[in-house]
Amino acid sequence: MEFTLRPATVDDVDPLTRMHLAAWRESYGHLLPPSFFAEHEATIDARIERHRAAVSAGSYNPMLAQDAEGALVGIACAGQAREDDRPCELELQMIYTLRRVHGMGVGQALVDAVIGTAAAYLWVLEDNPRAQAFYRRNGFRADGTRQLLPPDWHQLPEIRMVRPAVVG
């Protein structure tokens, strides 16, 4: 499958936000109730405006993956670590690809684009074996840190995975 990567612009915020929600449905539909997705759908316009302001201000810099027809099929974002007990300075804050492109190299290209060979960490749902396997292939290992997501995410447990800088 052919795809291209590019940084998001303000004009991408609406489709980016909608694709993000679609990826949540695909990834977490078995873990979260329909009401979770209905609530996010009902408030999507406010989320789009928050993202638009953040992209405009330069505080939210997602990388996009588009298929050969220009349809958005993946997003990723990395940035300064947010936790006080961070294991390193770079956090892979988000990566999502639509199910139709799983296994086609889109996720790998996004990871390479946003974190390169740097030491990094991320949080992943404890009940997400596919994502955890992908991260392990990229050198990430669980460091034993676990937390519960907020109540609006039904307190799903997530684990932290860390990788050292890639040498070579």
N, C-alpha and C. Protein backbone atom coordinates (compact mmCIF):
# COMPACT_ATOMS: atom_id res chain seq x y z
N MET A 1 0.84 -1.18 0.00
CA MET A 1 0.00 0.00 0.00
C MET A 1 0.88 1.24 0.00
N GLU A 2 0.56 2.18 -0.84
CA GLU A 2 1.28 3.44 -0.87
C GLU A 2 0.64 4.40 0.13
N PHE A 3 1.51 5.14 0.82
CA PHE A 3 1.03 6.17 1.73
C PHE A 3 2.10 7.24 1.85
N THR A 4 1.68 8.39 2.32
CA THR A 4 2.62 9.49 2.55
C THR A 4 2.44 9.99 3.97
N LEU A 5 3.50 10.57 4.49
CA LEU A 5 3.48 11.20 5.81
C LEU A 5 3.70 12.69 5.65
N ARG A 6 3.04 13.45 6.51
CA ARG A 6 3.27 14.89 6.54
C ARG A 6 2.76 15.46 7.86
N PRO A 7 3.34 16.58 8.27
CA PRO A 7 2.83 17.22 9.49
C PRO A 7 1.41 17.76 9.27
N ALA A 8 0.62 17.73 10.31
CA ALA A 8 -0.74 18.26 10.24
C ALA A 8 -0.71 19.79 10.19
N THR A 9 -1.71 20.34 9.52
CA THR A 9 -1.92 21.79 9.50
C THR A 9 -3.28 22.06 10.14
N VAL A 10 -3.58 23.33 10.32
CA VAL A 10 -4.87 23.71 10.89
C VAL A 10 -6.01 23.16 10.03
N ASP A 11 -5.82 23.12 8.72
CA ASP A 11 -6.87 22.62 7.83
C ASP A 11 -7.15 21.13 8.01
N ASP A 12 -6.23 20.40 8.65
CA ASP A 12 -6.39 18.96 8.86
C ASP A 12 -7.13 18.61 10.15
N VAL A 13 -7.36 19.58 10.99
CA VAL A 13 -7.86 19.29 12.34
C VAL A 13 -9.20 18.57 12.33
N ASP A 14 -10.13 19.00 11.50
CA ASP A 14 -11.44 18.34 11.48
C ASP A 14 -11.31 16.87 11.08
N PRO A 15 -10.73 16.54 9.91
CA PRO A 15 -10.62 15.11 9.57
C PRO A 15 -9.71 14.34 10.53
N LEU A 16 -8.69 14.96 11.04
CA LEU A 16 -7.81 14.30 12.01
C LEU A 16 -8.59 13.89 13.26
N THR A 17 -9.38 14.79 13.78
CA THR A 17 -10.15 14.51 15.00
C THR A 17 -11.18 13.42 14.75
N ARG A 18 -11.81 13.45 13.61
CA ARG A 18 -12.81 12.42 13.27
C ARG A 18 -12.15 11.05 13.04
N MET A 19 -10.98 11.04 12.41
CA MET A 19 -10.27 9.77 12.22
C MET A 19 -9.79 9.21 13.56
N HIS A 20 -9.37 10.09 14.46
CA HIS A 20 -8.94 9.69 15.79
C HIS A 20 -10.08 8.97 16.51
N LEU A 21 -11.28 9.53 16.46
CA LEU A 21 -12.43 8.90 17.09
C LEU A 21 -12.76 7.56 16.41
N ALA A 22 -12.66 7.51 15.10
CA ALA A 22 -12.91 6.24 14.38
C ALA A 22 -11.89 5.18 14.82
N ALA A 23 -10.65 5.57 14.99
CA ALA A 23 -9.62 4.63 15.44
C ALA A 23 -9.89 4.17 16.87
N TRP A 24 -10.38 5.07 17.72
CA TRP A 24 -10.77 4.65 19.07
C TRP A 24 -11.85 3.58 19.00
N ARG A 25 -12.86 3.80 18.16
CA ARG A 25 -13.94 2.80 18.02
C ARG A 25 -13.37 1.45 17.61
N GLU A 26 -12.48 1.46 16.63
CA GLU A 26 -11.90 0.20 16.16
C GLU A 26 -11.02 -0.44 17.23
N SER A 27 -10.25 0.35 17.93
CA SER A 27 -9.29 -0.18 18.90
C SER A 27 -9.91 -0.55 20.24
N TYR A 28 -10.88 0.23 20.68
CA TYR A 28 -11.39 0.08 22.04
C TYR A 28 -12.87 -0.27 22.12
N GLY A 29 -13.50 -0.54 20.98
CA GLY A 29 -14.93 -0.85 20.97
C GLY A 29 -15.30 -2.03 21.83
N HIS A 30 -14.38 -2.96 22.01
CA HIS A 30 -14.65 -4.13 22.84
C HIS A 30 -14.39 -3.86 24.32
N LEU A 31 -13.78 -2.72 24.64
CA LEU A 31 -13.43 -2.40 26.03
C LEU A 31 -14.31 -1.31 26.64
N LEU A 32 -14.91 -0.49 25.80
CA LEU A 32 -15.68 0.65 26.28
C LEU A 32 -17.12 0.55 25.79
N PRO A 33 -18.08 1.07 26.56
CA PRO A 33 -19.48 0.98 26.16
C PRO A 33 -19.81 1.95 25.03
N PRO A 34 -20.87 1.67 24.30
CA PRO A 34 -21.29 2.58 23.23
C PRO A 34 -21.49 4.02 23.71
N SER A 35 -21.88 4.20 24.95
CA SER A 35 -22.09 5.56 25.48
C SER A 35 -20.81 6.38 25.48
N PHE A 36 -19.67 5.74 25.65
CA PHE A 36 -18.39 6.45 25.60
C PHE A 36 -18.22 7.11 24.23
N PHE A 37 -18.45 6.35 23.19
CA PHE A 37 -18.27 6.86 21.83
C PHE A 37 -19.35 7.88 21.48
N ALA A 38 -20.57 7.65 21.95
CA ALA A 38 -21.66 8.59 21.70
C ALA A 38 -21.35 9.95 22.34
N GLU A 39 -20.82 9.93 23.53
CA GLU A 39 -20.45 11.19 24.22
C GLU A 39 -19.36 11.92 23.45
N HIS A 40 -18.36 11.20 22.98
CA HIS A 40 -17.28 11.84 22.22
C HIS A 40 -17.78 12.35 20.87
N GLU A 41 -18.69 11.64 20.27
CA GLU A 41 -19.28 12.10 19.01
C GLU A 41 -20.09 13.38 19.24
N ALA A 42 -20.84 13.41 20.33
CA ALA A 42 -21.68 14.57 20.64
C ALA A 42 -20.86 15.82 20.94
N THR A 43 -19.64 15.65 21.41
CA THR A 43 -18.80 16.80 21.78
C THR A 43 -17.63 17.00 20.82
N ILE A 44 -17.71 16.41 19.65
CA ILE A 44 -16.56 16.44 18.72
C ILE A 44 -16.25 17.86 18.23
N ASP A 45 -17.26 18.70 18.06
CA ASP A 45 -17.01 20.05 17.57
C ASP A 45 -16.13 20.83 18.55
N ALA A 46 -16.38 20.68 19.85
CA ALA A 46 -15.56 21.35 20.85
C ALA A 46 -14.13 20.80 20.82
N ARG A 47 -14.01 19.52 20.64
CA ARG A 47 -12.68 18.91 20.56
C ARG A 47 -11.93 19.41 19.32
N ILE A 48 -12.62 19.52 18.21
CA ILE A 48 -12.01 20.05 16.99
C ILE A 48 -11.49 21.46 17.24
N GLU A 49 -12.27 22.29 17.91
CA GLU A 49 -11.83 23.67 18.18
C GLU A 49 -10.62 23.70 19.12
N ARG A 50 -10.58 22.83 20.13
CA ARG A 50 -9.41 22.76 21.03
C ARG A 50 -8.17 22.34 20.24
N HIS A 51 -8.34 21.34 19.38
CA HIS A 51 -7.20 20.88 18.57
C HIS A 51 -6.76 21.96 17.58
N ARG A 52 -7.71 22.66 17.00
CA ARG A 52 -7.38 23.73 16.05
C ARG A 52 -6.54 24.81 16.75
N ALA A 53 -6.94 25.18 17.95
CA ALA A 53 -6.19 26.19 18.69
C ALA A 53 -4.79 25.67 19.04
N ALA A 54 -4.69 24.41 19.40
CA ALA A 54 -3.39 23.84 19.78
C ALA A 54 -2.46 23.72 18.57
N VAL A 55 -3.00 23.31 17.43
CA VAL A 55 -2.17 23.25 16.21
C VAL A 55 -1.73 24.66 15.82
N SER A 56 -2.64 25.62 15.90
CA SER A 56 -2.29 27.01 15.58
C SER A 56 -1.19 27.55 16.47
N ALA A 57 -1.25 27.18 17.75
CA ALA A 57 -0.26 27.66 18.72
C ALA A 57 1.05 26.87 18.67
N GLY A 58 1.05 25.76 17.94
CA GLY A 58 2.26 24.94 17.87
C GLY A 58 2.45 24.00 19.04
N SER A 59 1.43 23.85 19.88
CA SER A 59 1.55 22.97 21.05
C SER A 59 1.05 21.55 20.77
N TYR A 60 0.51 21.33 19.59
CA TYR A 60 0.03 20.01 19.17
C TYR A 60 0.48 19.85 17.73
N ASN A 61 1.40 18.89 17.51
CA ASN A 61 2.04 18.74 16.21
C ASN A 61 1.95 17.32 15.69
N PRO A 62 0.76 16.84 15.38
CA PRO A 62 0.66 15.46 14.91
C PRO A 62 1.23 15.27 13.51
N MET A 63 1.70 14.06 13.27
CA MET A 63 2.13 13.61 11.95
C MET A 63 0.98 12.80 11.38
N LEU A 64 0.68 13.01 10.12
CA LEU A 64 -0.43 12.32 9.46
C LEU A 64 0.08 11.31 8.45
N ALA A 65 -0.66 10.24 8.28
CA ALA A 65 -0.43 9.27 7.21
C ALA A 65 -1.67 9.28 6.33
N GLN A 66 -1.44 9.42 5.02
CA GLN A 66 -2.54 9.43 4.07
C GLN A 66 -2.30 8.32 3.04
N ASP A 67 -3.40 7.71 2.60
CA ASP A 67 -3.27 6.69 1.56
C ASP A 67 -3.12 7.36 0.20
N ALA A 68 -3.01 6.56 -0.85
CA ALA A 68 -2.75 7.09 -2.19
C ALA A 68 -3.86 8.01 -2.68
N GLU A 69 -5.07 7.86 -2.14
CA GLU A 69 -6.19 8.72 -2.52
C GLU A 69 -6.29 9.97 -1.65
N GLY A 70 -5.40 10.09 -0.68
CA GLY A 70 -5.41 11.25 0.21
C GLY A 70 -6.23 11.08 1.46
N ALA A 71 -6.80 9.90 1.68
CA ALA A 71 -7.59 9.66 2.89
C ALA A 71 -6.65 9.49 4.08
N LEU A 72 -7.03 10.06 5.19
CA LEU A 72 -6.26 9.96 6.41
C LEU A 72 -6.40 8.56 6.98
N VAL A 73 -5.27 7.87 7.21
CA VAL A 73 -5.30 6.50 7.72
C VAL A 73 -4.50 6.32 9.00
N GLY A 74 -3.78 7.37 9.44
CA GLY A 74 -3.00 7.26 10.66
C GLY A 74 -2.56 8.61 11.18
N ILE A 75 -2.34 8.66 12.50
CA ILE A 75 -1.85 9.87 13.15
C ILE A 75 -0.92 9.45 14.28
N ALA A 76 0.05 10.29 14.55
CA ALA A 76 0.96 10.06 15.67
C ALA A 76 1.46 11.40 16.17
N CYS A 77 1.81 11.42 17.44
CA CYS A 77 2.32 12.65 18.04
C CYS A 77 3.26 12.27 19.18
N ALA A 78 4.37 12.94 19.27
CA ALA A 78 5.32 12.76 20.37
C ALA A 78 5.71 14.14 20.87
N GLY A 79 6.16 14.17 22.11
CA GLY A 79 6.57 15.46 22.66
C GLY A 79 7.23 15.32 24.00
N GLN A 80 7.45 16.45 24.61
CA GLN A 80 8.08 16.51 25.93
C GLN A 80 7.30 15.64 26.91
N ALA A 81 8.03 14.84 27.68
CA ALA A 81 7.41 13.97 28.68
C ALA A 81 6.54 14.78 29.63
N ARG A 82 5.41 14.21 30.04
CA ARG A 82 4.44 14.94 30.86
C ARG A 82 4.45 14.55 32.34
N GLU A 83 5.05 13.42 32.69
CA GLU A 83 5.01 12.97 34.07
C GLU A 83 6.23 13.42 34.86
N ASP A 84 6.03 13.63 36.16
CA ASP A 84 7.15 13.97 37.03
C ASP A 84 8.13 12.80 37.13
N ASP A 85 7.62 11.57 37.11
CA ASP A 85 8.49 10.40 37.25
C ASP A 85 8.88 9.80 35.90
N ARG A 86 8.93 10.63 34.89
CA ARG A 86 9.23 10.17 33.53
C ARG A 86 10.57 9.44 33.47
N PRO A 87 10.60 8.36 32.69
CA PRO A 87 11.84 7.61 32.56
C PRO A 87 12.81 8.23 31.56
N CYS A 88 12.31 9.14 30.72
CA CYS A 88 13.15 9.85 29.75
C CYS A 88 12.38 11.10 29.34
N GLU A 89 12.95 11.89 28.46
CA GLU A 89 12.35 13.18 28.12
C GLU A 89 11.35 13.17 26.97
N LEU A 90 11.28 12.08 26.21
CA LEU A 90 10.39 12.03 25.05
C LEU A 90 9.28 11.01 25.27
N GLU A 91 8.05 11.44 25.04
CA GLU A 91 6.90 10.56 25.18
C GLU A 91 6.21 10.40 23.83
N LEU A 92 5.97 9.16 23.44
CA LEU A 92 5.11 8.88 22.30
C LEU A 92 3.69 9.04 22.84
N GLN A 93 3.09 10.17 22.57
CA GLN A 93 1.83 10.53 23.21
C GLN A 93 0.61 9.93 22.53
N MET A 94 0.75 9.60 21.24
CA MET A 94 -0.39 9.05 20.52
C MET A 94 0.08 8.44 19.21
N ILE A 95 -0.49 7.29 18.89
CA ILE A 95 -0.36 6.72 17.55
C ILE A 95 -1.59 5.87 17.30
N TYR A 96 -2.25 6.15 16.19
CA TYR A 96 -3.42 5.38 15.79
C TYR A 96 -3.38 5.19 14.28
N THR A 97 -3.71 3.99 13.85
CA THR A 97 -3.93 3.72 12.44
C THR A 97 -5.28 3.01 12.32
N LEU A 98 -5.92 3.23 11.20
CA LEU A 98 -7.18 2.53 10.96
C LEU A 98 -6.90 1.06 10.70
N ARG A 99 -7.82 0.22 11.09
CA ARG A 99 -7.66 -1.22 10.97
C ARG A 99 -7.32 -1.64 9.54
N ARG A 100 -7.87 -0.96 8.55
CA ARG A 100 -7.65 -1.37 7.16
C ARG A 100 -6.20 -1.25 6.72
N VAL A 101 -5.36 -0.55 7.49
CA VAL A 101 -3.94 -0.45 7.11
C VAL A 101 -3.01 -1.16 8.10
N HIS A 102 -3.59 -1.88 9.06
CA HIS A 102 -2.74 -2.63 10.00
C HIS A 102 -1.86 -3.59 9.23
N GLY A 103 -0.61 -3.67 9.62
CA GLY A 103 0.34 -4.59 9.01
C GLY A 103 0.92 -4.11 7.69
N MET A 104 0.65 -2.87 7.31
CA MET A 104 1.12 -2.36 6.01
C MET A 104 2.27 -1.36 6.14
N GLY A 105 2.80 -1.19 7.35
CA GLY A 105 3.95 -0.30 7.53
C GLY A 105 3.61 1.12 7.92
N VAL A 106 2.34 1.46 7.99
CA VAL A 106 1.94 2.83 8.32
C VAL A 106 2.34 3.17 9.76
N GLY A 107 2.00 2.29 10.69
CA GLY A 107 2.35 2.54 12.09
C GLY A 107 3.86 2.67 12.28
N GLN A 108 4.61 1.79 11.63
CA GLN A 108 6.07 1.85 11.75
C GLN A 108 6.61 3.17 11.21
N ALA A 109 6.10 3.60 10.07
CA ALA A 109 6.55 4.86 9.49
C ALA A 109 6.22 6.04 10.41
N LEU A 110 5.06 6.00 11.04
CA LEU A 110 4.69 7.07 11.97
C LEU A 110 5.61 7.08 13.19
N VAL A 111 5.88 5.92 13.76
CA VAL A 111 6.80 5.86 14.91
C VAL A 111 8.16 6.40 14.52
N ASP A 112 8.67 5.94 13.39
CA ASP A 112 9.98 6.41 12.93
C ASP A 112 9.99 7.92 12.74
N ALA A 113 8.89 8.48 12.24
CA ALA A 113 8.82 9.91 11.96
C ALA A 113 8.76 10.75 13.24
N VAL A 114 8.05 10.27 14.25
CA VAL A 114 7.85 11.13 15.43
C VAL A 114 8.84 10.90 16.56
N ILE A 115 9.47 9.71 16.64
CA ILE A 115 10.47 9.52 17.70
C ILE A 115 11.83 9.10 17.17
N GLY A 116 11.90 8.69 15.92
CA GLY A 116 13.20 8.31 15.35
C GLY A 116 13.89 7.26 16.18
N THR A 117 15.13 7.50 16.55
CA THR A 117 15.92 6.54 17.32
C THR A 117 16.08 6.97 18.78
N ALA A 118 15.35 7.99 19.19
CA ALA A 118 15.49 8.54 20.54
C ALA A 118 14.94 7.59 21.60
N ALA A 119 15.47 7.71 22.80
CA ALA A 119 14.86 7.05 23.96
C ALA A 119 13.47 7.64 24.12
N ALA A 120 12.50 6.80 24.44
CA ALA A 120 11.13 7.27 24.54
C ALA A 120 10.32 6.33 25.44
N TYR A 121 9.16 6.81 25.85
CA TYR A 121 8.22 5.97 26.59
C TYR A 121 6.82 6.27 26.10
N LEU A 122 5.89 5.40 26.52
CA LEU A 122 4.49 5.54 26.13
C LEU A 122 3.63 4.83 27.15
N TRP A 123 2.34 5.11 27.08
CA TRP A 123 1.33 4.39 27.86
C TRP A 123 0.45 3.63 26.89
N VAL A 124 0.12 2.40 27.23
CA VAL A 124 -0.72 1.56 26.38
C VAL A 124 -1.70 0.80 27.28
N LEU A 125 -2.91 0.60 26.78
CA LEU A 125 -3.88 -0.15 27.57
C LEU A 125 -3.34 -1.54 27.88
N GLU A 126 -3.57 -1.96 29.09
CA GLU A 126 -3.13 -3.28 29.53
C GLU A 126 -3.76 -4.38 28.66
N ASP A 127 -5.00 -4.17 28.23
CA ASP A 127 -5.69 -5.14 27.39
C ASP A 127 -5.61 -4.71 25.92
N ASN A 128 -4.40 -4.54 25.44
CA ASN A 128 -4.19 -4.19 24.04
C ASN A 128 -2.96 -4.95 23.54
N PRO A 129 -3.09 -6.27 23.42
CA PRO A 129 -1.91 -7.08 23.06
C PRO A 129 -1.33 -6.76 21.69
N ARG A 130 -2.15 -6.39 20.74
CA ARG A 130 -1.62 -6.06 19.41
C ARG A 130 -0.68 -4.85 19.49
N ALA A 131 -1.12 -3.80 20.15
CA ALA A 131 -0.28 -2.61 20.29
C ALA A 131 0.98 -2.92 21.08
N GLN A 132 0.84 -3.68 22.16
CA GLN A 132 2.02 -4.02 22.96
C GLN A 132 3.04 -4.80 22.14
N ALA A 133 2.58 -5.72 21.30
CA ALA A 133 3.50 -6.48 20.44
C ALA A 133 4.21 -5.54 19.46
N PHE A 134 3.49 -4.59 18.89
CA PHE A 134 4.08 -3.61 17.98
C PHE A 134 5.17 -2.82 18.70
N TYR A 135 4.87 -2.36 19.91
CA TYR A 135 5.85 -1.58 20.66
C TYR A 135 7.07 -2.43 21.03
N ARG A 136 6.85 -3.68 21.40
CA ARG A 136 8.00 -4.56 21.70
C ARG A 136 8.91 -4.72 20.49
N ARG A 137 8.32 -4.83 19.30
CA ARG A 137 9.13 -4.92 18.07
C ARG A 137 9.96 -3.65 17.86
N ASN A 138 9.53 -2.56 18.47
CA ASN A 138 10.25 -1.30 18.37
C ASN A 138 11.13 -1.03 19.59
N GLY A 139 11.39 -2.07 20.37
CA GLY A 139 12.33 -1.95 21.47
C GLY A 139 11.76 -1.51 22.80
N PHE A 140 10.44 -1.32 22.89
CA PHE A 140 9.81 -0.90 24.15
C PHE A 140 9.59 -2.11 25.04
N ARG A 141 9.75 -1.90 26.33
CA ARG A 141 9.50 -2.93 27.33
C ARG A 141 8.70 -2.32 28.48
N ALA A 142 7.77 -3.10 29.02
CA ALA A 142 7.02 -2.64 30.20
C ALA A 142 8.00 -2.42 31.33
N ASP A 143 7.84 -1.31 32.04
CA ASP A 143 8.76 -1.01 33.15
C ASP A 143 8.15 -1.28 34.52
N GLY A 144 6.95 -1.90 34.54
CA GLY A 144 6.31 -2.24 35.80
C GLY A 144 5.39 -1.15 36.33
N THR A 145 5.31 -0.02 35.66
CA THR A 145 4.44 1.07 36.09
C THR A 145 3.07 0.89 35.47
N ARG A 146 2.05 0.99 36.31
CA ARG A 146 0.67 0.78 35.89
C ARG A 146 -0.18 1.88 36.50
N GLN A 147 -1.19 2.30 35.77
CA GLN A 147 -2.12 3.30 36.30
C GLN A 147 -3.50 3.06 35.70
N LEU A 148 -4.49 3.69 36.32
CA LEU A 148 -5.85 3.62 35.82
C LEU A 148 -6.18 4.92 35.11
N LEU A 149 -6.84 4.79 33.98
CA LEU A 149 -7.30 5.97 33.26
C LEU A 149 -8.41 6.65 34.06
N PRO A 150 -8.72 7.90 33.73
CA PRO A 150 -9.78 8.62 34.46
C PRO A 150 -11.14 7.96 34.30
N PRO A 151 -12.09 8.33 35.16
CA PRO A 151 -13.43 7.73 35.10
C PRO A 151 -14.11 7.82 33.74
N ASP A 152 -13.88 8.91 32.99
CA ASP A 152 -14.53 9.01 31.68
C ASP A 152 -14.01 7.95 30.71
N TRP A 153 -12.85 7.37 31.02
CA TRP A 153 -12.31 6.23 30.26
C TRP A 153 -12.55 4.93 31.02
N HIS A 154 -13.49 4.95 31.93
CA HIS A 154 -13.93 3.78 32.69
C HIS A 154 -12.78 3.12 33.46
N GLN A 155 -11.82 3.95 33.84
CA GLN A 155 -10.68 3.52 34.65
C GLN A 155 -9.99 2.27 34.10
N LEU A 156 -9.90 2.20 32.79
CA LEU A 156 -9.16 1.09 32.18
C LEU A 156 -7.70 1.16 32.62
N PRO A 157 -7.10 0.03 32.91
CA PRO A 157 -5.69 0.04 33.31
C PRO A 157 -4.77 0.16 32.10
N GLU A 158 -3.70 0.91 32.29
CA GLU A 158 -2.68 1.02 31.26
C GLU A 158 -1.31 0.83 31.89
N ILE A 159 -0.37 0.43 31.05
CA ILE A 159 0.99 0.20 31.51
C ILE A 159 1.93 1.12 30.74
N ARG A 160 3.06 1.39 31.38
CA ARG A 160 4.08 2.21 30.72
C ARG A 160 5.12 1.31 30.09
N MET A 161 5.50 1.65 28.88
CA MET A 161 6.56 0.95 28.17
C MET A 161 7.66 1.95 27.81
N VAL A 162 8.91 1.51 27.92
CA VAL A 162 10.06 2.39 27.75
C VAL A 162 11.06 1.72 26.82
N ARG A 163 11.75 2.52 26.05
CA ARG A 163 12.86 1.99 25.26
C ARG A 163 14.06 2.94 25.37
N PRO A 164 15.24 2.38 25.35
CA PRO A 164 16.44 3.23 25.30
C PRO A 164 16.62 3.77 23.88
N ALA A 165 17.52 4.68 23.73
CA ALA A 165 17.85 5.16 22.38
C ALA A 165 18.33 4.00 21.54
N VAL A 166 17.96 4.01 20.28
CA VAL A 166 18.35 2.94 19.36
C VAL A 166 19.72 3.31 18.80
N VAL A 167 20.67 2.41 18.98
CA VAL A 167 22.02 2.64 18.49
C VAL A 167 22.25 1.82 17.24
N GLY A 168 22.87 2.44 16.27
CA GLY A 168 23.24 1.62 15.16
C GLY A 168 22.86 2.11 13.86
